[in-house]
Amino acid sequence: MYKHSFEKLEVWQDSIDLVEVVYKITESFPVEERFGLTNQMRRCSVSICSNLAEGTFRLTQKDKSRFSTIAFSSTMELLN
């Protein structure tokens, strides 16, 4: 059962799966990367699902679009 409308979105569900994958992969990174690459990748992955969720609660299409754009930008940052 879904509590919020964004939980029904396949893209949001996929982004949650991505967070889990990123956390699992970064567990094996060297300790010296904990505050660098590991932190950056984790924050990017969480940003994707957070912005998708926040965008669903915005009232205007312009606001909704802005949060989708931020989620996309976080995806590109993670890929980089």
PDB file of N, CA and C in Angstrom:
ATOM      1  N   MET A   1       0.835  -1.178   0.000  1.00  0.00           N
ATOM      2  CA  MET A   1       0.000   0.000   0.000  1.00  0.00           C
ATOM      3  C   MET A   1       0.884   1.248   0.000  1.00  0.00           C
ATOM      4  N   TYR A   2       0.527   2.202  -0.808  1.00  0.00           N
ATOM      5  CA  TYR A   2       1.298   3.434  -0.918  1.00  0.00           C
ATOM      6  C   TYR A   2       0.717   4.511  -0.009  1.00  0.00           C
ATOM      7  N   LYS A   3       1.610   5.210   0.686  1.00  0.00           N
ATOM      8  CA  LYS A   3       1.178   6.328   1.517  1.00  0.00           C
ATOM      9  C   LYS A   3       1.142   7.619   0.718  1.00  0.00           C
ATOM     10  N   HIS A   4       2.062   7.749  -0.234  1.00  0.00           N
ATOM     11  CA  HIS A   4       2.207   8.983  -1.001  1.00  0.00           C
ATOM     12  C   HIS A   4       2.190   8.673  -2.495  1.00  0.00           C
ATOM     13  N   SER A   5       1.757   9.630  -3.286  1.00  0.00           N
ATOM     14  CA  SER A   5       1.615   9.405  -4.726  1.00  0.00           C
ATOM     15  C   SER A   5       2.945   9.113  -5.415  1.00  0.00           C
ATOM     16  N   PHE A   6       4.038   9.705  -4.947  1.00  0.00           N
ATOM     17  CA  PHE A   6       5.321   9.482  -5.615  1.00  0.00           C
ATOM     18  C   PHE A   6       5.778   8.033  -5.504  1.00  0.00           C
ATOM     19  N   GLU A   7       5.311   7.321  -4.490  1.00  0.00           N
ATOM     20  CA  GLU A   7       5.709   5.923  -4.316  1.00  0.00           C
ATOM     21  C   GLU A   7       5.177   5.031  -5.440  1.00  0.00           C
ATOM     22  N   LYS A   8       4.181   5.505  -6.167  1.00  0.00           N
ATOM     23  CA  LYS A   8       3.624   4.754  -7.287  1.00  0.00           C
ATOM     24  C   LYS A   8       4.467   4.903  -8.550  1.00  0.00           C
ATOM     25  N   LEU A   9       5.313   5.913  -8.583  1.00  0.00           N
ATOM     26  CA  LEU A   9       6.110   6.190  -9.780  1.00  0.00           C
ATOM     27  C   LEU A   9       7.212   5.149  -9.952  1.00  0.00           C
ATOM     28  N   GLU A  10       7.244   4.537 -11.114  1.00  0.00           N
ATOM     29  CA  GLU A  10       8.273   3.539 -11.389  1.00  0.00           C
ATOM     30  C   GLU A  10       9.671   4.149 -11.320  1.00  0.00           C
ATOM     31  N   VAL A  11       9.802   5.376 -11.800  1.00  0.00           N
ATOM     32  CA  VAL A  11      11.107   6.036 -11.773  1.00  0.00           C
ATOM     33  C   VAL A  11      11.563   6.263 -10.332  1.00  0.00           C
ATOM     34  N   TRP A  12      10.650   6.585  -9.437  1.00  0.00           N
ATOM     35  CA  TRP A  12      11.015   6.762  -8.027  1.00  0.00           C
ATOM     36  C   TRP A  12      11.424   5.417  -7.419  1.00  0.00           C
ATOM     37  N   GLN A  13      10.663   4.364  -7.722  1.00  0.00           N
ATOM     38  CA  GLN A  13      10.997   3.026  -7.223  1.00  0.00           C
ATOM     39  C   GLN A  13      12.375   2.592  -7.713  1.00  0.00           C
ATOM     40  N   ASP A  14      12.660   2.869  -8.991  1.00  0.00           N
ATOM     41  CA  ASP A  14      13.979   2.544  -9.540  1.00  0.00           C
ATOM     42  C   ASP A  14      15.078   3.349  -8.855  1.00  0.00           C
ATOM     43  N   SER A  15      14.773   4.593  -8.515  1.00  0.00           N
ATOM     44  CA  SER A  15      15.786   5.426  -7.859  1.00  0.00           C
ATOM     45  C   SER A  15      16.095   4.913  -6.450  1.00  0.00           C
ATOM     46  N   ILE A  16      15.115   4.353  -5.779  1.00  0.00           N
ATOM     47  CA  ILE A  16      15.349   3.741  -4.464  1.00  0.00           C
ATOM     48  C   ILE A  16      16.253   2.520  -4.620  1.00  0.00           C
ATOM     49  N   ASP A  17      16.005   1.730  -5.656  1.00  0.00           N
ATOM     50  CA  ASP A  17      16.879   0.586  -5.941  1.00  0.00           C
ATOM     51  C   ASP A  17      18.303   1.057  -6.217  1.00  0.00           C
ATOM     52  N   LEU A  18      18.427   2.170  -6.930  1.00  0.00           N
ATOM     53  CA  LEU A  18      19.745   2.724  -7.238  1.00  0.00           C
ATOM     54  C   LEU A  18      20.485   3.119  -5.961  1.00  0.00           C
ATOM     55  N   VAL A  19      19.788   3.727  -5.018  1.00  0.00           N
ATOM     56  CA  VAL A  19      20.411   4.097  -3.738  1.00  0.00           C
ATOM     57  C   VAL A  19      21.001   2.855  -3.073  1.00  0.00           C
ATOM     58  N   GLU A  20      20.238   1.784  -3.053  1.00  0.00           N
ATOM     59  CA  GLU A  20      20.715   0.546  -2.432  1.00  0.00           C
ATOM     60  C   GLU A  20      21.953   0.013  -3.142  1.00  0.00           C
ATOM     61  N   VAL A  21      21.948   0.055  -4.460  1.00  0.00           N
ATOM     62  CA  VAL A  21      23.101  -0.413  -5.238  1.00  0.00           C
ATOM     63  C   VAL A  21      24.324   0.454  -4.965  1.00  0.00           C
ATOM     64  N   VAL A  22      24.136   1.764  -4.970  1.00  0.00           N
ATOM     65  CA  VAL A  22      25.257   2.684  -4.736  1.00  0.00           C
ATOM     66  C   VAL A  22      25.845   2.458  -3.348  1.00  0.00           C
ATOM     67  N   TYR A  23      25.004   2.327  -2.340  1.00  0.00           N
ATOM     68  CA  TYR A  23      25.512   2.087  -0.988  1.00  0.00           C
ATOM     69  C   TYR A  23      26.279   0.768  -0.920  1.00  0.00           C
ATOM     70  N   LYS A  24      25.760  -0.256  -1.574  1.00  0.00           N
ATOM     71  CA  LYS A  24      26.428  -1.565  -1.573  1.00  0.00           C
ATOM     72  C   LYS A  24      27.787  -1.478  -2.267  1.00  0.00           C
ATOM     73  N   ILE A  25      27.833  -0.839  -3.425  1.00  0.00           N
ATOM     74  CA  ILE A  25      29.088  -0.718  -4.176  1.00  0.00           C
ATOM     75  C   ILE A  25      30.112   0.098  -3.397  1.00  0.00           C
ATOM     76  N   THR A  26      29.675   1.206  -2.819  1.00  0.00           N
ATOM     77  CA  THR A  26      30.624   2.099  -2.149  1.00  0.00           C
ATOM     78  C   THR A  26      31.132   1.542  -0.819  1.00  0.00           C
ATOM     79  N   GLU A  27      30.482   0.516  -0.293  1.00  0.00           N
ATOM     80  CA  GLU A  27      30.992  -0.143   0.917  1.00  0.00           C
ATOM     81  C   GLU A  27      32.390  -0.698   0.701  1.00  0.00           C
ATOM     82  N   SER A  28      32.674  -1.098  -0.529  1.00  0.00           N
ATOM     83  CA  SER A  28      33.973  -1.710  -0.825  1.00  0.00           C
ATOM     84  C   SER A  28      35.040  -0.692  -1.235  1.00  0.00           C
ATOM     85  N   PHE A  29      34.688   0.588  -1.268  1.00  0.00           N
ATOM     86  CA  PHE A  29      35.664   1.624  -1.626  1.00  0.00           C
ATOM     87  C   PHE A  29      36.686   1.775  -0.502  1.00  0.00           C
ATOM     88  N   PRO A  30      37.878   2.235  -0.832  1.00  0.00           N
ATOM     89  CA  PRO A  30      38.902   2.451   0.198  1.00  0.00           C
ATOM     90  C   PRO A  30      38.431   3.449   1.261  1.00  0.00           C
ATOM     91  N   VAL A  31      38.902   3.258   2.472  1.00  0.00           N
ATOM     92  CA  VAL A  31      38.525   4.124   3.594  1.00  0.00           C
ATOM     93  C   VAL A  31      38.849   5.581   3.300  1.00  0.00           C
ATOM     94  N   GLU A  32      39.944   5.834   2.616  1.00  0.00           N
ATOM     95  CA  GLU A  32      40.333   7.222   2.330  1.00  0.00           C
ATOM     96  C   GLU A  32      39.349   7.929   1.395  1.00  0.00           C
ATOM     97  N   GLU A  33      38.454   7.182   0.761  1.00  0.00           N
ATOM     98  CA  GLU A  33      37.436   7.776  -0.110  1.00  0.00           C
ATOM     99  C   GLU A  33      36.118   8.039   0.619  1.00  0.00           C
ATOM    100  N   ARG A  34      36.069   7.711   1.906  1.00  0.00           N
ATOM    101  CA  ARG A  34      34.827   7.839   2.670  1.00  0.00           C
ATOM    102  C   ARG A  34      34.222   9.238   2.587  1.00  0.00           C
ATOM    103  N   PHE A  35      35.052  10.260   2.675  1.00  0.00           N
ATOM    104  CA  PHE A  35      34.543  11.632   2.657  1.00  0.00           C
ATOM    105  C   PHE A  35      34.668  12.281   1.284  1.00  0.00           C
ATOM    106  N   GLY A  36      35.107  11.520   0.322  1.00  0.00           N
ATOM    107  CA  GLY A  36      35.245  12.026  -1.039  1.00  0.00           C
ATOM    108  C   GLY A  36      34.241  11.358  -1.961  1.00  0.00           C
ATOM    109  N   LEU A  37      34.746  10.437  -2.758  1.00  0.00           N
ATOM    110  CA  LEU A  37      33.932   9.780  -3.779  1.00  0.00           C
ATOM    111  C   LEU A  37      32.739   9.025  -3.188  1.00  0.00           C
ATOM    112  N   THR A  38      32.960   8.303  -2.113  1.00  0.00           N
ATOM    113  CA  THR A  38      31.866   7.546  -1.489  1.00  0.00           C
ATOM    114  C   THR A  38      30.724   8.469  -1.084  1.00  0.00           C
ATOM    115  N   ASN A  39      31.063   9.527  -0.377  1.00  0.00           N
ATOM    116  CA  ASN A  39      30.058  10.483   0.080  1.00  0.00           C
ATOM    117  C   ASN A  39      29.337  11.136  -1.098  1.00  0.00           C
ATOM    118  N   GLN A  40      30.092  11.520  -2.105  1.00  0.00           N
ATOM    119  CA  GLN A  40      29.506  12.188  -3.268  1.00  0.00           C
ATOM    120  C   GLN A  40      28.517  11.279  -4.001  1.00  0.00           C
ATOM    121  N   MET A  41      28.906  10.036  -4.222  1.00  0.00           N
ATOM    122  CA  MET A  41      28.023   9.100  -4.925  1.00  0.00           C
ATOM    123  C   MET A  41      26.752   8.821  -4.129  1.00  0.00           C
ATOM    124  N   ARG A  42      26.901   8.685  -2.842  1.00  0.00           N
ATOM    125  CA  ARG A  42      25.733   8.417  -2.002  1.00  0.00           C
ATOM    126  C   ARG A  42      24.786   9.609  -1.980  1.00  0.00           C
ATOM    127  N   ARG A  43      25.332  10.802  -1.845  1.00  0.00           N
ATOM    128  CA  ARG A  43      24.483  11.999  -1.829  1.00  0.00           C
ATOM    129  C   ARG A  43      23.765  12.185  -3.163  1.00  0.00           C
ATOM    130  N   CYS A  44      24.455  11.923  -4.265  1.00  0.00           N
ATOM    131  CA  CYS A  44      23.816  12.033  -5.587  1.00  0.00           C
ATOM    132  C   CYS A  44      22.644  11.069  -5.706  1.00  0.00           C
ATOM    133  N   SER A  45      22.852   9.825  -5.297  1.00  0.00           N
ATOM    134  CA  SER A  45      21.787   8.831  -5.444  1.00  0.00           C
ATOM    135  C   SER A  45      20.573   9.182  -4.585  1.00  0.00           C
ATOM    136  N   VAL A  46      20.799   9.649  -3.376  1.00  0.00           N
ATOM    137  CA  VAL A  46      19.692  10.043  -2.502  1.00  0.00           C
ATOM    138  C   VAL A  46      18.989  11.279  -3.052  1.00  0.00           C
ATOM    139  N   SER A  47      19.750  12.180  -3.644  1.00  0.00           N
ATOM    140  CA  SER A  47      19.174  13.396  -4.222  1.00  0.00           C
ATOM    141  C   SER A  47      18.176  13.077  -5.330  1.00  0.00           C
ATOM    142  N   ILE A  48      18.436  12.044  -6.088  1.00  0.00           N
ATOM    143  CA  ILE A  48      17.547  11.679  -7.196  1.00  0.00           C
ATOM    144  C   ILE A  48      16.148  11.356  -6.672  1.00  0.00           C
ATOM    145  N   CYS A  49      16.051  10.408  -5.759  1.00  0.00           N
ATOM    146  CA  CYS A  49      14.720  10.022  -5.260  1.00  0.00           C
ATOM    147  C   CYS A  49      14.083  11.129  -4.424  1.00  0.00           C
ATOM    148  N   SER A  50      14.886  11.878  -3.700  1.00  0.00           N
ATOM    149  CA  SER A  50      14.343  12.974  -2.888  1.00  0.00           C
ATOM    150  C   SER A  50      13.703  14.049  -3.753  1.00  0.00           C
ATOM    151  N   ASN A  51      14.372  14.417  -4.827  1.00  0.00           N
ATOM    152  CA  ASN A  51      13.831  15.461  -5.701  1.00  0.00           C
ATOM    153  C   ASN A  51      12.635  14.980  -6.506  1.00  0.00           C
ATOM    154  N   LEU A  52      12.631  13.718  -6.902  1.00  0.00           N
ATOM    155  CA  LEU A  52      11.446  13.173  -7.574  1.00  0.00           C
ATOM    156  C   LEU A  52      10.244  13.221  -6.635  1.00  0.00           C
ATOM    157  N   ALA A  53      10.456  12.844  -5.390  1.00  0.00           N
ATOM    158  CA  ALA A  53       9.367  12.863  -4.411  1.00  0.00           C
ATOM    159  C   ALA A  53       8.900  14.289  -4.141  1.00  0.00           C
ATOM    160  N   GLU A  54       9.838  15.185  -3.911  1.00  0.00           N
ATOM    161  CA  GLU A  54       9.457  16.565  -3.601  1.00  0.00           C
ATOM    162  C   GLU A  54       8.700  17.212  -4.758  1.00  0.00           C
ATOM    163  N   GLY A  55       9.099  16.904  -5.975  1.00  0.00           N
ATOM    164  CA  GLY A  55       8.445  17.482  -7.140  1.00  0.00           C
ATOM    165  C   GLY A  55       6.982  17.105  -7.271  1.00  0.00           C
ATOM    166  N   THR A  56       6.613  15.933  -6.778  1.00  0.00           N
ATOM    167  CA  THR A  56       5.213  15.505  -6.890  1.00  0.00           C
ATOM    168  C   THR A  56       4.285  16.342  -6.019  1.00  0.00           C
ATOM    169  N   PHE A  57       4.823  17.009  -5.017  1.00  0.00           N
ATOM    170  CA  PHE A  57       4.000  17.817  -4.121  1.00  0.00           C
ATOM    171  C   PHE A  57       3.925  19.279  -4.536  1.00  0.00           C
ATOM    172  N   ARG A  58       4.614  19.639  -5.587  1.00  0.00           N
ATOM    173  CA  ARG A  58       4.580  21.024  -6.065  1.00  0.00           C
ATOM    174  C   ARG A  58       3.295  21.274  -6.833  1.00  0.00           C
ATOM    175  N   LEU A  59       2.803  22.484  -6.757  1.00  0.00           N
ATOM    176  CA  LEU A  59       1.502  22.799  -7.346  1.00  0.00           C
ATOM    177  C   LEU A  59       1.573  23.174  -8.813  1.00  0.00           C
ATOM    178  N   THR A  60       2.630  23.833  -9.230  1.00  0.00           N
ATOM    179  CA  THR A  60       2.715  24.277 -10.621  1.00  0.00           C
ATOM    180  C   THR A  60       3.582  23.331 -11.438  1.00  0.00           C
ATOM    181  N   GLN A  61       3.291  23.269 -12.726  1.00  0.00           N
ATOM    182  CA  GLN A  61       4.084  22.435 -13.615  1.00  0.00           C
ATOM    183  C   GLN A  61       5.532  22.921 -13.664  1.00  0.00           C
ATOM    184  N   LYS A  62       5.716  24.225 -13.562  1.00  0.00           N
ATOM    185  CA  LYS A  62       7.066  24.795 -13.574  1.00  0.00           C
ATOM    186  C   LYS A  62       7.877  24.272 -12.385  1.00  0.00           C
ATOM    187  N   ASP A  63       7.282  24.253 -11.211  1.00  0.00           N
ATOM    188  CA  ASP A  63       7.964  23.726 -10.025  1.00  0.00           C
ATOM    189  C   ASP A  63       8.223  22.225 -10.156  1.00  0.00           C
ATOM    190  N   LYS A  64       7.225  21.485 -10.628  1.00  0.00           N
ATOM    191  CA  LYS A  64       7.394  20.046 -10.815  1.00  0.00           C
ATOM    192  C   LYS A  64       8.557  19.768 -11.763  1.00  0.00           C
ATOM    193  N   SER A  65       8.605  20.528 -12.839  1.00  0.00           N
ATOM    194  CA  SER A  65       9.660  20.370 -13.833  1.00  0.00           C
ATOM    195  C   SER A  65      11.034  20.685 -13.251  1.00  0.00           C
ATOM    196  N   ARG A  66      11.094  21.702 -12.408  1.00  0.00           N
ATOM    197  CA  ARG A  66      12.372  22.097 -11.803  1.00  0.00           C
ATOM    198  C   ARG A  66      12.944  20.956 -10.961  1.00  0.00           C
ATOM    199  N   PHE A  67      12.111  20.277 -10.186  1.00  0.00           N
ATOM    200  CA  PHE A  67      12.599  19.180  -9.356  1.00  0.00           C
ATOM    201  C   PHE A  67      12.972  17.960 -10.195  1.00  0.00           C
ATOM    202  N   SER A  68      12.273  17.743 -11.298  1.00  0.00           N
ATOM    203  CA  SER A  68      12.665  16.674 -12.224  1.00  0.00           C
ATOM    204  C   SER A  68      14.022  16.975 -12.838  1.00  0.00           C
ATOM    205  N   THR A  69      14.250  18.232 -13.156  1.00  0.00           N
ATOM    206  CA  THR A  69      15.533  18.644 -13.723  1.00  0.00           C
ATOM    207  C   THR A  69      16.657  18.450 -12.711  1.00  0.00           C
ATOM    208  N   ILE A  70      16.404  18.778 -11.465  1.00  0.00           N
ATOM    209  CA  ILE A  70      17.415  18.577 -10.422  1.00  0.00           C
ATOM    210  C   ILE A  70      17.721  17.085 -10.262  1.00  0.00           C
ATOM    211  N   ALA A  71      16.685  16.245 -10.287  1.00  0.00           N
ATOM    212  CA  ALA A  71      16.889  14.798 -10.188  1.00  0.00           C
ATOM    213  C   ALA A  71      17.714  14.297 -11.368  1.00  0.00           C
ATOM    214  N   PHE A  72      17.415  14.795 -12.562  1.00  0.00           N
ATOM    215  CA  PHE A  72      18.181  14.408 -13.747  1.00  0.00           C
ATOM    216  C   PHE A  72      19.634  14.855 -13.611  1.00  0.00           C
ATOM    217  N   SER A  73      19.846  16.062 -13.118  1.00  0.00           N
ATOM    218  CA  SER A  73      21.205  16.578 -12.940  1.00  0.00           C
ATOM    219  C   SER A  73      21.988  15.728 -11.942  1.00  0.00           C
ATOM    220  N   SER A  74      21.334  15.283 -10.893  1.00  0.00           N
ATOM    221  CA  SER A  74      21.991  14.401  -9.926  1.00  0.00           C
ATOM    222  C   SER A  74      22.345  13.063 -10.561  1.00  0.00           C
ATOM    223  N   THR A  75      21.486  12.590 -11.450  1.00  0.00           N
ATOM    224  CA  THR A  75      21.772  11.352 -12.173  1.00  0.00           C
ATOM    225  C   THR A  75      23.010  11.511 -13.042  1.00  0.00           C
ATOM    226  N   MET A  76      23.097  12.622 -13.747  1.00  0.00           N
ATOM    227  CA  MET A  76      24.262  12.881 -14.594  1.00  0.00           C
ATOM    228  C   MET A  76      25.533  13.032 -13.758  1.00  0.00           C
ATOM    229  N   GLU A  77      25.403  13.653 -12.598  1.00  0.00           N
ATOM    230  CA  GLU A  77      26.552  13.800 -11.700  1.00  0.00           C
ATOM    231  C   GLU A  77      27.023  12.427 -11.223  1.00  0.00           C
ATOM    232  N   LEU A  78      26.094  11.551 -10.906  1.00  0.00           N
ATOM    233  CA  LEU A  78      26.449  10.203 -10.467  1.00  0.00           C
ATOM    234  C   LEU A  78      27.133   9.426 -11.588  1.00  0.00           C
ATOM    235  N   LEU A  79      26.655   9.594 -12.802  1.00  0.00           N
ATOM    236  CA  LEU A  79      27.267   8.905 -13.942  1.00  0.00           C
ATOM    237  C   LEU A  79      28.665   9.412 -14.255  1.00  0.00           C
ATOM    238  N   ASN A  80      28.913  10.657 -13.910  1.00  0.00           N
ATOM    239  CA  ASN A  80      30.208  11.262 -14.196  1.00  0.00           C
ATOM    240  C   ASN A  80      31.217  10.741 -13.224  1.00  0.00           C
TER     241      ASN A  80
END
